[in-house]
Amino acid sequence: MRAASLAVAAAAAGVAVARRRRSPGSVWPALSARDASVTAEDGTVLHVEVSGPDDPSGTVVLAHGYVLSNRLWDLQVAALTEARPDLRVVTYDQRGHGRSDRAPNGSATIDQLGRDLRAVIDQAATGPVVVAGHSMGGMTLMSYVEQYPHDVGTRLLAAGLVATSGGGLAEVAWGLPPRLADTIRKALPGAMEHGRRWEDAGRKPLPQPFLRPLLFGRGHRRGADPTAVRTTLEVYASNSAHTVADFFATFPQHDRLAALSVLSTVPVTILVGTEDRICPVAHSRALAAALPHARLRVYPGAGHMVQLERAAEVSAELASLAAAIEPRTAARRAG
């Protein structure tokens, strides 16, 4: 069990409703958002949450990472809606995650996630769009622009790549000695199949003692709020073992550095922590090399959950990207 726990932890790479109440002493925001749904091309229903006005200047769409959920963008949603009350902010649960439908057989791929993002933009966004993706969400964004290059500069006006990678994930050692990482990598398929059977038998999820150091950096006393850490671990544990196993096979196939050239005509920001063990800082530097015009911000001491560990700074970077969407004046709205 302990080996399986380590293996699964290492794999974690990647109507108005007032929904989340703030805990005493917490910096976690209490959001009011409109629940909605988006139907993907294959009929999979995706859970969506919409904040902001019905008649916005444009929309910011935020895509989350592997075995996570839209909840982990809450700090950015709160900051963006305060900084730009004229914008709509859309978050959603990727297929198989959170409150979205389970991914049908064969559909747990980054190619499909790119098409899902297009469906979210088509059905939940209004006006020009800025998209930011964390980890697998960043790969989703890359897949989207690869499949729909004509959207760039017309619908998509700016992009944020947060703690993500353009490829080479099969060589990541998760901050472990290479030989140990290789041993874990070989054990992962069996451990994930065991996780499926464990879940299908109705048993509680196994403890994940290595998950926190895998996801979070040491932070040099500037790390994530304890509520953010606890929420991340709760979100991870709430996702299905089938999702863990189904999506894991798609990451070695992800290779989209060449596809990034289509983003050369719009503002791009790349954000990463120096202690990211899942999408190491070298991967963000490779993204920056492929997009010389992009803004690269590296946060010392931050880990993979950089949007929680450096919440205010990441929110400010996303607000800067959102400046690509010009506010609509009252006269233009009336017209």
C-alpha atoms as a PDB file:
ATOM      1  CA  MET A   1       0.000   0.000   0.000  1.00  0.00           C
ATOM      2  CA  ARG A   2       2.775   2.400   0.831  1.00  0.00           C
ATOM      3  CA  ALA A   3       4.443   1.926  -2.568  1.00  0.00           C
ATOM      4  CA  ALA A   4       1.114   2.414  -4.301  1.00  0.00           C
ATOM      5  CA  SER A   5       0.504   5.585  -2.307  1.00  0.00           C
ATOM      6  CA  LEU A   6       3.893   6.973  -3.304  1.00  0.00           C
ATOM      7  CA  ALA A   7       3.333   6.091  -6.938  1.00  0.00           C
ATOM      8  CA  VAL A   8      -0.096   7.660  -7.166  1.00  0.00           C
ATOM      9  CA  ALA A   9       1.153  10.782  -5.378  1.00  0.00           C
ATOM     10  CA  ALA A  10       4.029  11.106  -7.806  1.00  0.00           C
ATOM     11  CA  ALA A  11       1.580  10.899 -10.695  1.00  0.00           C
ATOM     12  CA  ALA A  12      -0.332  14.024  -9.680  1.00  0.00           C
ATOM     13  CA  ALA A  13       1.305  16.130 -12.325  1.00  0.00           C
ATOM     14  CA  GLY A  14      -0.463  17.646 -13.847  1.00  0.00           C
ATOM     15  CA  VAL A  15     -28.772  30.159 -11.256  1.00  0.00           C
ATOM     16  CA  ALA A  16     -26.595  32.145  -8.680  1.00  0.00           C
ATOM     17  CA  VAL A  17     -25.104  30.284  -5.780  1.00  0.00           C
ATOM     18  CA  ALA A  18     -22.949  31.521  -2.905  1.00  0.00           C
ATOM     19  CA  ARG A  19     -20.808  28.433  -2.741  1.00  0.00           C
ATOM     20  CA  ARG A  20     -17.666  28.430  -0.570  1.00  0.00           C
ATOM     21  CA  ARG A  21     -17.804  29.944   2.861  1.00  0.00           C
ATOM     22  CA  ARG A  22     -14.631  31.392   4.245  1.00  0.00           C
ATOM     23  CA  SER A  23     -13.090  29.526   7.165  1.00  0.00           C
ATOM     24  CA  PRO A  24     -12.232  31.590  10.265  1.00  0.00           C
ATOM     25  CA  GLY A  25      -8.870  33.294   9.767  1.00  0.00           C
ATOM     26  CA  SER A  26      -8.574  32.050   6.177  1.00  0.00           C
ATOM     27  CA  VAL A  27      -7.644  34.035   3.099  1.00  0.00           C
ATOM     28  CA  TRP A  28      -9.809  31.726   0.971  1.00  0.00           C
ATOM     29  CA  PRO A  29     -12.541  33.835  -0.651  1.00  0.00           C
ATOM     30  CA  ALA A  30     -16.269  33.252  -0.483  1.00  0.00           C
ATOM     31  CA  LEU A  31     -17.361  33.398  -4.110  1.00  0.00           C
ATOM     32  CA  SER A  32     -20.748  33.989  -5.634  1.00  0.00           C
ATOM     33  CA  ALA A  33     -20.912  32.337  -9.014  1.00  0.00           C
ATOM     34  CA  ARG A  34     -23.498  31.130 -11.477  1.00  0.00           C
ATOM     35  CA  ASP A  35     -23.449  27.380 -11.998  1.00  0.00           C
ATOM     36  CA  ALA A  36     -23.774  26.310 -15.607  1.00  0.00           C
ATOM     37  CA  SER A  37     -22.919  23.403 -17.856  1.00  0.00           C
ATOM     38  CA  VAL A  38     -21.249  22.989 -21.215  1.00  0.00           C
ATOM     39  CA  THR A  39     -21.765  20.000 -23.478  1.00  0.00           C
ATOM     40  CA  ALA A  40     -18.633  18.821 -25.275  1.00  0.00           C
ATOM     41  CA  GLU A  41     -18.717  17.495 -28.829  1.00  0.00           C
ATOM     42  CA  ASP A  42     -19.019  13.893 -27.629  1.00  0.00           C
ATOM     43  CA  GLY A  43     -21.868  14.674 -25.219  1.00  0.00           C
ATOM     44  CA  THR A  44     -19.748  14.844 -22.068  1.00  0.00           C
ATOM     45  CA  VAL A  45     -21.206  17.470 -19.721  1.00  0.00           C
ATOM     46  CA  LEU A  46     -18.699  19.840 -18.116  1.00  0.00           C
ATOM     47  CA  HIS A  47     -19.425  21.746 -14.909  1.00  0.00           C
ATOM     48  CA  VAL A  48     -18.845  25.495 -15.360  1.00  0.00           C
ATOM     49  CA  GLU A  49     -18.928  28.433 -12.946  1.00  0.00           C
ATOM     50  CA  VAL A  50     -19.404  31.983 -14.180  1.00  0.00           C
ATOM     51  CA  SER A  51     -18.611  35.190 -12.278  1.00  0.00           C
ATOM     52  CA  GLY A  52     -19.135  38.742 -13.456  1.00  0.00           C
ATOM     53  CA  PRO A  53     -21.716  40.631 -15.526  1.00  0.00           C
ATOM     54  CA  ASP A  54     -24.139  39.267 -18.094  1.00  0.00           C
ATOM     55  CA  ASP A  55     -22.942  41.848 -20.631  1.00  0.00           C
ATOM     56  CA  PRO A  56     -19.154  41.823 -20.173  1.00  0.00           C
ATOM     57  CA  SER A  57     -16.385  43.479 -22.133  1.00  0.00           C
ATOM     58  CA  GLY A  58     -14.928  40.006 -22.568  1.00  0.00           C
ATOM     59  CA  THR A  59     -14.153  36.793 -20.726  1.00  0.00           C
ATOM     60  CA  VAL A  60     -11.235  35.277 -18.845  1.00  0.00           C
ATOM     61  CA  VAL A  61     -11.273  31.465 -18.906  1.00  0.00           C
ATOM     62  CA  LEU A  62      -9.177  29.527 -16.375  1.00  0.00           C
ATOM     63  CA  ALA A  63      -8.347  25.829 -16.927  1.00  0.00           C
ATOM     64  CA  HIS A  64      -7.158  23.682 -14.001  1.00  0.00           C
ATOM     65  CA  GLY A  65      -4.632  20.861 -13.782  1.00  0.00           C
ATOM     66  CA  TYR A  66      -4.538  17.089 -13.446  1.00  0.00           C
ATOM     67  CA  VAL A  67      -6.528  15.568 -10.551  1.00  0.00           C
ATOM     68  CA  LEU A  68      -7.489  19.076  -9.408  1.00  0.00           C
ATOM     69  CA  SER A  69     -10.609  21.189 -10.017  1.00  0.00           C
ATOM     70  CA  ASN A  70     -11.834  24.696 -10.769  1.00  0.00           C
ATOM     71  CA  ARG A  71     -11.907  25.433  -7.008  1.00  0.00           C
ATOM     72  CA  LEU A  72      -8.164  26.015  -7.069  1.00  0.00           C
ATOM     73  CA  TRP A  73      -8.617  29.165  -9.169  1.00  0.00           C
ATOM     74  CA  ASP A  74     -10.836  30.815  -6.516  1.00  0.00           C
ATOM     75  CA  LEU A  75      -8.188  33.289  -5.372  1.00  0.00           C
ATOM     76  CA  GLN A  76      -7.657  34.461  -8.948  1.00  0.00           C
ATOM     77  CA  VAL A  77     -11.406  34.658  -9.650  1.00  0.00           C
ATOM     78  CA  ALA A  78     -11.885  36.896  -6.608  1.00  0.00           C
ATOM     79  CA  ALA A  79      -8.974  39.142  -7.592  1.00  0.00           C
ATOM     80  CA  LEU A  80      -9.972  39.398 -11.264  1.00  0.00           C
ATOM     81  CA  THR A  81     -13.617  40.207 -10.578  1.00  0.00           C
ATOM     82  CA  GLU A  82     -12.510  42.945  -8.190  1.00  0.00           C
ATOM     83  CA  ALA A  83      -9.878  44.383 -10.546  1.00  0.00           C
ATOM     84  CA  ARG A  84     -12.031  44.118 -13.681  1.00  0.00           C
ATOM     85  CA  PRO A  85     -15.746  44.130 -12.777  1.00  0.00           C
ATOM     86  CA  ASP A  86     -16.517  44.571 -16.476  1.00  0.00           C
ATOM     87  CA  LEU A  87     -15.182  41.094 -17.289  1.00  0.00           C
ATOM     88  CA  ARG A  88     -16.730  37.663 -17.014  1.00  0.00           C
ATOM     89  CA  VAL A  89     -14.524  35.020 -15.378  1.00  0.00           C
ATOM     90  CA  VAL A  90     -15.230  31.388 -16.271  1.00  0.00           C
ATOM     91  CA  THR A  91     -13.760  28.353 -14.532  1.00  0.00           C
ATOM     92  CA  TYR A  92     -14.702  24.768 -15.286  1.00  0.00           C
ATOM     93  CA  ASP A  93     -13.963  21.210 -14.262  1.00  0.00           C
ATOM     94  CA  GLN A  94     -12.114  19.231 -16.904  1.00  0.00           C
ATOM     95  CA  ARG A  95     -13.827  16.010 -17.954  1.00  0.00           C
ATOM     96  CA  GLY A  96     -13.428  13.358 -15.293  1.00  0.00           C
ATOM     97  CA  HIS A  97     -12.655  15.983 -12.652  1.00  0.00           C
ATOM     98  CA  GLY A  98     -14.698  17.770 -10.018  1.00  0.00           C
ATOM     99  CA  ARG A  99     -18.396  17.912 -10.913  1.00  0.00           C
ATOM    100  CA  SER A 100     -17.981  17.168 -14.620  1.00  0.00           C
ATOM    101  CA  ASP A 101     -18.906  13.855 -16.227  1.00  0.00           C
ATOM    102  CA  ARG A 102     -16.369  11.027 -16.208  1.00  0.00           C
ATOM    103  CA  ALA A 103     -14.293  10.891 -19.389  1.00  0.00           C
ATOM    104  CA  PRO A 104     -15.731   8.227 -21.727  1.00  0.00           C
ATOM    105  CA  ASN A 105     -13.349   5.466 -22.756  1.00  0.00           C
ATOM    106  CA  GLY A 106     -10.590   6.761 -24.997  1.00  0.00           C
ATOM    107  CA  SER A 107     -11.384  10.449 -24.402  1.00  0.00           C
ATOM    108  CA  ALA A 108      -8.917  11.186 -21.567  1.00  0.00           C
ATOM    109  CA  THR A 109      -6.466  12.935 -23.879  1.00  0.00           C
ATOM    110  CA  ILE A 110      -5.007  16.402 -24.145  1.00  0.00           C
ATOM    111  CA  ASP A 111      -6.318  16.564 -27.724  1.00  0.00           C
ATOM    112  CA  GLN A 112      -9.843  16.127 -26.378  1.00  0.00           C
ATOM    113  CA  LEU A 113      -9.257  18.671 -23.614  1.00  0.00           C
ATOM    114  CA  GLY A 114      -8.366  21.233 -26.287  1.00  0.00           C
ATOM    115  CA  ARG A 115     -11.715  20.608 -27.954  1.00  0.00           C
ATOM    116  CA  ASP A 116     -13.447  20.823 -24.575  1.00  0.00           C
ATOM    117  CA  LEU A 117     -11.883  24.248 -24.016  1.00  0.00           C
ATOM    118  CA  ARG A 118     -13.253  25.361 -27.391  1.00  0.00           C
ATOM    119  CA  ALA A 119     -16.707  24.198 -26.268  1.00  0.00           C
ATOM    120  CA  VAL A 120     -16.376  26.190 -23.028  1.00  0.00           C
ATOM    121  CA  ILE A 121     -15.398  29.300 -24.978  1.00  0.00           C
ATOM    122  CA  ASP A 122     -18.258  28.804 -27.446  1.00  0.00           C
ATOM    123  CA  GLN A 123     -20.936  28.196 -24.836  1.00  0.00           C
ATOM    124  CA  ALA A 124     -19.864  30.122 -21.724  1.00  0.00           C
ATOM    125  CA  ALA A 125     -17.731  33.064 -22.914  1.00  0.00           C
ATOM    126  CA  THR A 126     -18.867  36.377 -24.328  1.00  0.00           C
ATOM    127  CA  GLY A 127     -16.709  38.736 -26.382  1.00  0.00           C
ATOM    128  CA  PRO A 128     -12.940  38.457 -26.733  1.00  0.00           C
ATOM    129  CA  VAL A 129     -11.231  35.893 -24.534  1.00  0.00           C
ATOM    130  CA  VAL A 130      -8.090  35.564 -22.424  1.00  0.00           C
ATOM    131  CA  VAL A 131      -7.246  31.988 -21.371  1.00  0.00           C
ATOM    132  CA  ALA A 132      -4.855  30.845 -18.647  1.00  0.00           C
ATOM    133  CA  GLY A 133      -4.111  27.222 -17.839  1.00  0.00           C
ATOM    134  CA  HIS A 134      -2.367  25.621 -14.885  1.00  0.00           C
ATOM    135  CA  SER A 135      -0.364  22.418 -15.441  1.00  0.00           C
ATOM    136  CA  MET A 136      -2.610  20.141 -17.558  1.00  0.00           C
ATOM    137  CA  GLY A 137      -4.762  23.233 -18.105  1.00  0.00           C
ATOM    138  CA  GLY A 138      -1.790  24.905 -19.801  1.00  0.00           C
ATOM    139  CA  MET A 139      -1.415  21.828 -22.008  1.00  0.00           C
ATOM    140  CA  THR A 140      -5.143  22.119 -22.741  1.00  0.00           C
ATOM    141  CA  LEU A 141      -4.555  25.688 -23.919  1.00  0.00           C
ATOM    142  CA  MET A 142      -1.687  24.532 -26.156  1.00  0.00           C
ATOM    143  CA  SER A 143      -3.918  21.839 -27.650  1.00  0.00           C
ATOM    144  CA  TYR A 144      -6.682  24.393 -28.249  1.00  0.00           C
ATOM    145  CA  VAL A 145      -4.479  26.810 -30.192  1.00  0.00           C
ATOM    146  CA  GLU A 146      -2.902  23.912 -32.097  1.00  0.00           C
ATOM    147  CA  GLN A 147      -6.337  22.756 -33.280  1.00  0.00           C
ATOM    148  CA  TYR A 148      -7.922  26.194 -33.707  1.00  0.00           C
ATOM    149  CA  PRO A 149      -5.076  28.517 -34.793  1.00  0.00           C
ATOM    150  CA  HIS A 150      -7.465  30.960 -36.444  1.00  0.00           C
ATOM    151  CA  ASP A 151      -8.948  31.797 -33.037  1.00  0.00           C
ATOM    152  CA  VAL A 152      -5.639  33.378 -31.979  1.00  0.00           C
ATOM    153  CA  GLY A 153      -5.787  37.141 -32.370  1.00  0.00           C
ATOM    154  CA  THR A 154      -9.475  37.062 -33.257  1.00  0.00           C
ATOM    155  CA  ARG A 155     -11.178  35.397 -30.279  1.00  0.00           C
ATOM    156  CA  LEU A 156      -8.152  34.665 -28.081  1.00  0.00           C
ATOM    157  CA  LEU A 157      -6.355  37.918 -27.276  1.00  0.00           C
ATOM    158  CA  ALA A 158      -3.842  36.745 -24.626  1.00  0.00           C
ATOM    159  CA  ALA A 159      -2.668  33.552 -22.938  1.00  0.00           C
ATOM    160  CA  GLY A 160      -1.255  32.531 -19.566  1.00  0.00           C
ATOM    161  CA  LEU A 161       0.832  29.368 -19.105  1.00  0.00           C
ATOM    162  CA  VAL A 162       1.081  28.558 -15.393  1.00  0.00           C
ATOM    163  CA  ALA A 163       3.358  25.779 -14.072  1.00  0.00           C
ATOM    164  CA  THR A 164       3.047  23.789 -17.271  1.00  0.00           C
ATOM    165  CA  SER A 165       5.076  22.091 -19.992  1.00  0.00           C
ATOM    166  CA  GLY A 166       5.322  21.820 -23.753  1.00  0.00           C
ATOM    167  CA  GLY A 167       6.598  18.236 -23.638  1.00  0.00           C
ATOM    168  CA  GLY A 168       9.225  15.900 -22.236  1.00  0.00           C
ATOM    169  CA  LEU A 169       7.164  14.899 -19.219  1.00  0.00           C
ATOM    170  CA  ALA A 170       8.266  11.270 -19.416  1.00  0.00           C
ATOM    171  CA  GLU A 171      11.726  12.333 -18.195  1.00  0.00           C
ATOM    172  CA  VAL A 172      10.587  14.335 -15.155  1.00  0.00           C
ATOM    173  CA  ALA A 173      11.987  12.865 -11.924  1.00  0.00           C
ATOM    174  CA  TRP A 174       9.633  14.716  -9.509  1.00  0.00           C
ATOM    175  CA  GLY A 175      12.612  15.987  -7.527  1.00  0.00           C
ATOM    176  CA  LEU A 176      13.704  12.443  -6.713  1.00  0.00           C
ATOM    177  CA  PRO A 177      16.984  10.648  -7.462  1.00  0.00           C
ATOM    178  CA  PRO A 178      16.745   9.371 -11.066  1.00  0.00           C
ATOM    179  CA  ARG A 179      16.911   5.675 -10.141  1.00  0.00           C
ATOM    180  CA  LEU A 180      14.112   6.050  -7.602  1.00  0.00           C
ATOM    181  CA  ALA A 181      12.036   8.029 -10.107  1.00  0.00           C
ATOM    182  CA  ASP A 182      12.496   5.268 -12.694  1.00  0.00           C
ATOM    183  CA  THR A 183      11.396   2.662 -10.169  1.00  0.00           C
ATOM    184  CA  ILE A 184       8.263   4.632  -9.348  1.00  0.00           C
ATOM    185  CA  ARG A 185       7.505   5.264 -13.023  1.00  0.00           C
ATOM    186  CA  LYS A 186       7.577   1.518 -13.711  1.00  0.00           C
ATOM    187  CA  ALA A 187       5.308   0.871 -10.718  1.00  0.00           C
ATOM    188  CA  LEU A 188       2.728   3.500 -11.666  1.00  0.00           C
ATOM    189  CA  PRO A 189       0.541   1.498 -14.104  1.00  0.00           C
ATOM    190  CA  GLY A 190       0.076  -1.323 -11.603  1.00  0.00           C
ATOM    191  CA  ALA A 191      -0.499   1.099  -8.733  1.00  0.00           C
ATOM    192  CA  MET A 192      -3.129   2.950 -10.715  1.00  0.00           C
ATOM    193  CA  GLU A 193      -4.969  -0.227 -11.624  1.00  0.00           C
ATOM    194  CA  HIS A 194      -4.903  -1.149  -7.940  1.00  0.00           C
ATOM    195  CA  GLY A 195      -6.386   2.287  -7.209  1.00  0.00           C
ATOM    196  CA  ARG A 196      -9.254   1.604  -9.619  1.00  0.00           C
ATOM    197  CA  ARG A 197     -10.066  -1.702  -7.926  1.00  0.00           C
ATOM    198  CA  TRP A 198      -9.740  -0.161  -4.458  1.00  0.00           C
ATOM    199  CA  GLU A 199     -12.221   2.578  -5.396  1.00  0.00           C
ATOM    200  CA  ASP A 200     -14.633   0.228  -7.168  1.00  0.00           C
ATOM    201  CA  ALA A 201     -14.711  -1.897  -4.005  1.00  0.00           C
ATOM    202  CA  GLY A 202     -16.026   1.143  -2.141  1.00  0.00           C
ATOM    203  CA  ARG A 203     -12.961   1.661   0.003  1.00  0.00           C
ATOM    204  CA  LYS A 204     -11.751   5.044   1.174  1.00  0.00           C
ATOM    205  CA  PRO A 205      -8.857   6.666  -0.728  1.00  0.00           C
ATOM    206  CA  LEU A 206      -5.402   5.774   0.512  1.00  0.00           C
ATOM    207  CA  PRO A 207      -3.447   8.451   2.406  1.00  0.00           C
ATOM    208  CA  GLN A 208      -1.089  10.478   0.227  1.00  0.00           C
ATOM    209  CA  PRO A 209       1.743  11.516   2.595  1.00  0.00           C
ATOM    210  CA  PHE A 210       4.002  12.591  -0.264  1.00  0.00           C
ATOM    211  CA  LEU A 211       1.422  14.728  -2.052  1.00  0.00           C
ATOM    212  CA  ARG A 212       2.017  17.977  -0.190  1.00  0.00           C
ATOM    213  CA  PRO A 213       5.796  18.136  -0.830  1.00  0.00           C
ATOM    214  CA  LEU A 214       5.145  17.066  -4.419  1.00  0.00           C
ATOM    215  CA  LEU A 215       2.740  19.952  -5.049  1.00  0.00           C
ATOM    216  CA  PHE A 216       4.050  22.743  -2.819  1.00  0.00           C
ATOM    217  CA  GLY A 217       7.473  24.339  -2.451  1.00  0.00           C
ATOM    218  CA  ARG A 218       9.142  25.213   0.818  1.00  0.00           C
ATOM    219  CA  GLY A 219       8.250  28.794   0.073  1.00  0.00           C
ATOM    220  CA  HIS A 220      10.889  30.451   2.249  1.00  0.00           C
ATOM    221  CA  ARG A 221       8.129  31.424   4.696  1.00  0.00           C
ATOM    222  CA  ARG A 222       6.026  32.855   1.865  1.00  0.00           C
ATOM    223  CA  GLY A 223       4.121  29.709   0.973  1.00  0.00           C
ATOM    224  CA  ALA A 224       0.436  29.031   0.500  1.00  0.00           C
ATOM    225  CA  ASP A 225      -2.137  29.728   3.168  1.00  0.00           C
ATOM    226  CA  PRO A 226      -2.835  26.535   5.185  1.00  0.00           C
ATOM    227  CA  THR A 227      -6.433  26.594   3.981  1.00  0.00           C
ATOM    228  CA  ALA A 228      -5.196  26.584   0.380  1.00  0.00           C
ATOM    229  CA  VAL A 229      -2.998  23.559   1.089  1.00  0.00           C
ATOM    230  CA  ARG A 230      -5.830  21.729   2.822  1.00  0.00           C
ATOM    231  CA  THR A 231      -8.262  22.560   0.018  1.00  0.00           C
ATOM    232  CA  THR A 232      -5.823  21.288  -2.613  1.00  0.00           C
ATOM    233  CA  LEU A 233      -5.395  17.970  -0.806  1.00  0.00           C
ATOM    234  CA  GLU A 234      -9.174  17.644  -0.383  1.00  0.00           C
ATOM    235  CA  VAL A 235      -9.737  18.312  -4.088  1.00  0.00           C
ATOM    236  CA  TYR A 236      -7.113  15.754  -5.052  1.00  0.00           C
ATOM    237  CA  ALA A 237      -8.640  13.101  -2.791  1.00  0.00           C
ATOM    238  CA  SER A 238     -12.153  13.777  -4.117  1.00  0.00           C
ATOM    239  CA  ASN A 239     -11.222  12.910  -7.696  1.00  0.00           C
ATOM    240  CA  SER A 240     -11.704   9.394  -8.985  1.00  0.00           C
ATOM    241  CA  ALA A 241      -8.907   6.847  -9.226  1.00  0.00           C
ATOM    242  CA  HIS A 242     -10.217   6.247 -12.734  1.00  0.00           C
ATOM    243  CA  THR A 243      -9.391   9.854 -13.604  1.00  0.00           C
ATOM    244  CA  VAL A 244      -5.879   9.450 -12.188  1.00  0.00           C
ATOM    245  CA  ALA A 245      -5.286   6.362 -14.316  1.00  0.00           C
ATOM    246  CA  ASP A 246      -7.151   7.427 -17.458  1.00  0.00           C
ATOM    247  CA  PHE A 247      -5.305  10.722 -17.955  1.00  0.00           C
ATOM    248  CA  PHE A 248      -1.841   9.624 -16.921  1.00  0.00           C
ATOM    249  CA  ALA A 249      -1.180   7.881 -20.239  1.00  0.00           C
ATOM    250  CA  THR A 250      -1.689  11.101 -22.233  1.00  0.00           C
ATOM    251  CA  PHE A 251       1.208  13.048 -20.706  1.00  0.00           C
ATOM    252  CA  PRO A 252       4.142  11.231 -22.370  1.00  0.00           C
ATOM    253  CA  GLN A 253       2.445  11.931 -25.715  1.00  0.00           C
ATOM    254  CA  HIS A 254       2.224  15.674 -25.083  1.00  0.00           C
ATOM    255  CA  ASP A 255       4.660  17.484 -27.396  1.00  0.00           C
ATOM    256  CA  ARG A 256       3.484  20.937 -28.427  1.00  0.00           C
ATOM    257  CA  LEU A 257       6.478  23.269 -28.303  1.00  0.00           C
ATOM    258  CA  ALA A 258       6.338  23.672 -32.076  1.00  0.00           C
ATOM    259  CA  ALA A 259       2.621  24.439 -31.942  1.00  0.00           C
ATOM    260  CA  LEU A 260       3.258  27.436 -29.690  1.00  0.00           C
ATOM    261  CA  SER A 261       4.399  29.607 -32.602  1.00  0.00           C
ATOM    262  CA  VAL A 262       0.763  30.427 -33.299  1.00  0.00           C
ATOM    263  CA  LEU A 263       0.760  32.432 -30.033  1.00  0.00           C
ATOM    264  CA  SER A 264       3.489  34.769 -31.292  1.00  0.00           C
ATOM    265  CA  THR A 265       0.894  37.400 -32.242  1.00  0.00           C
ATOM    266  CA  VAL A 266      -0.709  37.796 -28.797  1.00  0.00           C
ATOM    267  CA  PRO A 267       0.611  38.596 -25.299  1.00  0.00           C
ATOM    268  CA  VAL A 268       1.742  35.509 -23.384  1.00  0.00           C
ATOM    269  CA  THR A 269       2.804  35.219 -19.751  1.00  0.00           C
ATOM    270  CA  ILE A 270       4.625  32.163 -18.375  1.00  0.00           C
ATOM    271  CA  LEU A 271       4.646  31.637 -14.601  1.00  0.00           C
ATOM    272  CA  VAL A 272       6.560  28.988 -12.642  1.00  0.00           C
ATOM    273  CA  GLY A 273       8.068  28.271  -9.240  1.00  0.00           C
ATOM    274  CA  THR A 274      11.679  27.238  -8.801  1.00  0.00           C
ATOM    275  CA  GLU A 275      10.618  24.215  -6.725  1.00  0.00           C
ATOM    276  CA  ASP A 276       8.042  22.862  -9.170  1.00  0.00           C
ATOM    277  CA  ARG A 277       8.650  19.089  -9.174  1.00  0.00           C
ATOM    278  CA  ILE A 278       5.943  18.205 -11.701  1.00  0.00           C
ATOM    279  CA  CYS A 279       6.579  20.745 -14.476  1.00  0.00           C
ATOM    280  CA  PRO A 280      10.089  21.918 -13.543  1.00  0.00           C
ATOM    281  CA  VAL A 281      11.284  25.437 -14.244  1.00  0.00           C
ATOM    282  CA  ALA A 282      13.340  24.178 -17.206  1.00  0.00           C
ATOM    283  CA  HIS A 283      10.070  23.371 -18.962  1.00  0.00           C
ATOM    284  CA  SER A 284       8.864  26.950 -18.580  1.00  0.00           C
ATOM    285  CA  ARG A 285      12.202  28.218 -19.877  1.00  0.00           C
ATOM    286  CA  ALA A 286      11.679  25.987 -22.922  1.00  0.00           C
ATOM    287  CA  LEU A 287       8.273  27.593 -23.417  1.00  0.00           C
ATOM    288  CA  ALA A 288       9.878  31.027 -23.192  1.00  0.00           C
ATOM    289  CA  ALA A 289      12.511  30.030 -25.743  1.00  0.00           C
ATOM    290  CA  ALA A 290       9.730  28.975 -28.116  1.00  0.00           C
ATOM    291  CA  LEU A 291       7.946  32.292 -27.499  1.00  0.00           C
ATOM    292  CA  PRO A 292      10.675  34.958 -27.237  1.00  0.00           C
ATOM    293  CA  HIS A 293       8.107  37.746 -26.851  1.00  0.00           C
ATOM    294  CA  ALA A 294       6.526  36.097 -23.785  1.00  0.00           C
ATOM    295  CA  ARG A 295       6.884  37.419 -20.247  1.00  0.00           C
ATOM    296  CA  LEU A 296       8.526  34.800 -17.998  1.00  0.00           C
ATOM    297  CA  ARG A 297       8.139  35.143 -14.231  1.00  0.00           C
ATOM    298  CA  VAL A 298       9.987  32.716 -11.956  1.00  0.00           C
ATOM    299  CA  TYR A 299       9.015  32.614  -8.262  1.00  0.00           C
ATOM    300  CA  PRO A 300      11.775  31.484  -5.864  1.00  0.00           C
ATOM    301  CA  GLY A 301      10.656  28.818  -3.426  1.00  0.00           C
ATOM    302  CA  ALA A 302       7.266  28.227  -5.019  1.00  0.00           C
ATOM    303  CA  GLY A 303       6.179  24.769  -6.101  1.00  0.00           C
ATOM    304  CA  HIS A 304       3.682  23.420  -8.605  1.00  0.00           C
ATOM    305  CA  MET A 305       0.692  25.212  -7.022  1.00  0.00           C
ATOM    306  CA  VAL A 306       2.185  28.599  -7.732  1.00  0.00           C
ATOM    307  CA  GLN A 307      -1.234  30.246  -8.132  1.00  0.00           C
ATOM    308  CA  LEU A 308      -1.841  29.478  -4.443  1.00  0.00           C
ATOM    309  CA  GLU A 309       1.693  29.999  -3.143  1.00  0.00           C
ATOM    310  CA  ARG A 310       2.048  33.372  -4.889  1.00  0.00           C
ATOM    311  CA  ALA A 311      -1.636  34.124  -5.211  1.00  0.00           C
ATOM    312  CA  ALA A 312      -1.488  37.925  -5.298  1.00  0.00           C
ATOM    313  CA  GLU A 313       1.386  38.009  -7.791  1.00  0.00           C
ATOM    314  CA  VAL A 314      -0.186  35.446 -10.108  1.00  0.00           C
ATOM    315  CA  SER A 315      -3.517  37.279  -9.926  1.00  0.00           C
ATOM    316  CA  ALA A 316      -1.777  40.529 -10.857  1.00  0.00           C
ATOM    317  CA  GLU A 317      -0.134  38.862 -13.854  1.00  0.00           C
ATOM    318  CA  LEU A 318      -3.476  37.532 -15.050  1.00  0.00           C
ATOM    319  CA  ALA A 319      -5.068  40.956 -14.583  1.00  0.00           C
ATOM    320  CA  SER A 320      -2.273  42.388 -16.714  1.00  0.00           C
ATOM    321  CA  LEU A 321      -3.061  39.846 -19.432  1.00  0.00           C
ATOM    322  CA  ALA A 322      -6.732  40.784 -19.184  1.00  0.00           C
ATOM    323  CA  ALA A 323      -5.762  44.320 -20.216  1.00  0.00           C
ATOM    324  CA  ALA A 324      -5.787  42.896 -23.740  1.00  0.00           C
ATOM    325  CA  ILE A 325      -9.574  43.144 -23.428  1.00  0.00           C
ATOM    326  CA  GLU A 326     -10.462  46.824 -23.509  1.00  0.00           C
ATOM    327  CA  PRO A 327     -13.217  47.957 -21.136  1.00  0.00           C
ATOM    328  CA  ARG A 328     -16.407  48.877 -22.920  1.00  0.00           C
ATOM    329  CA  THR A 329     -17.543  52.417 -22.223  1.00  0.00           C
ATOM    330  CA  ALA A 330     -21.112  53.242 -21.289  1.00  0.00           C
ATOM    331  CA  ALA A 331     -21.609  54.783 -24.733  1.00  0.00           C
ATOM    332  CA  ARG A 332     -20.397  51.637 -26.469  1.00  0.00           C
ATOM    333  CA  ARG A 333     -22.657  49.499 -24.292  1.00  0.00           C
ATOM    334  CA  ALA A 334     -25.624  51.746 -25.158  1.00  0.00           C
ATOM    335  CA  GLY A 335     -24.745  51.529 -28.861  1.00  0.00           C
END
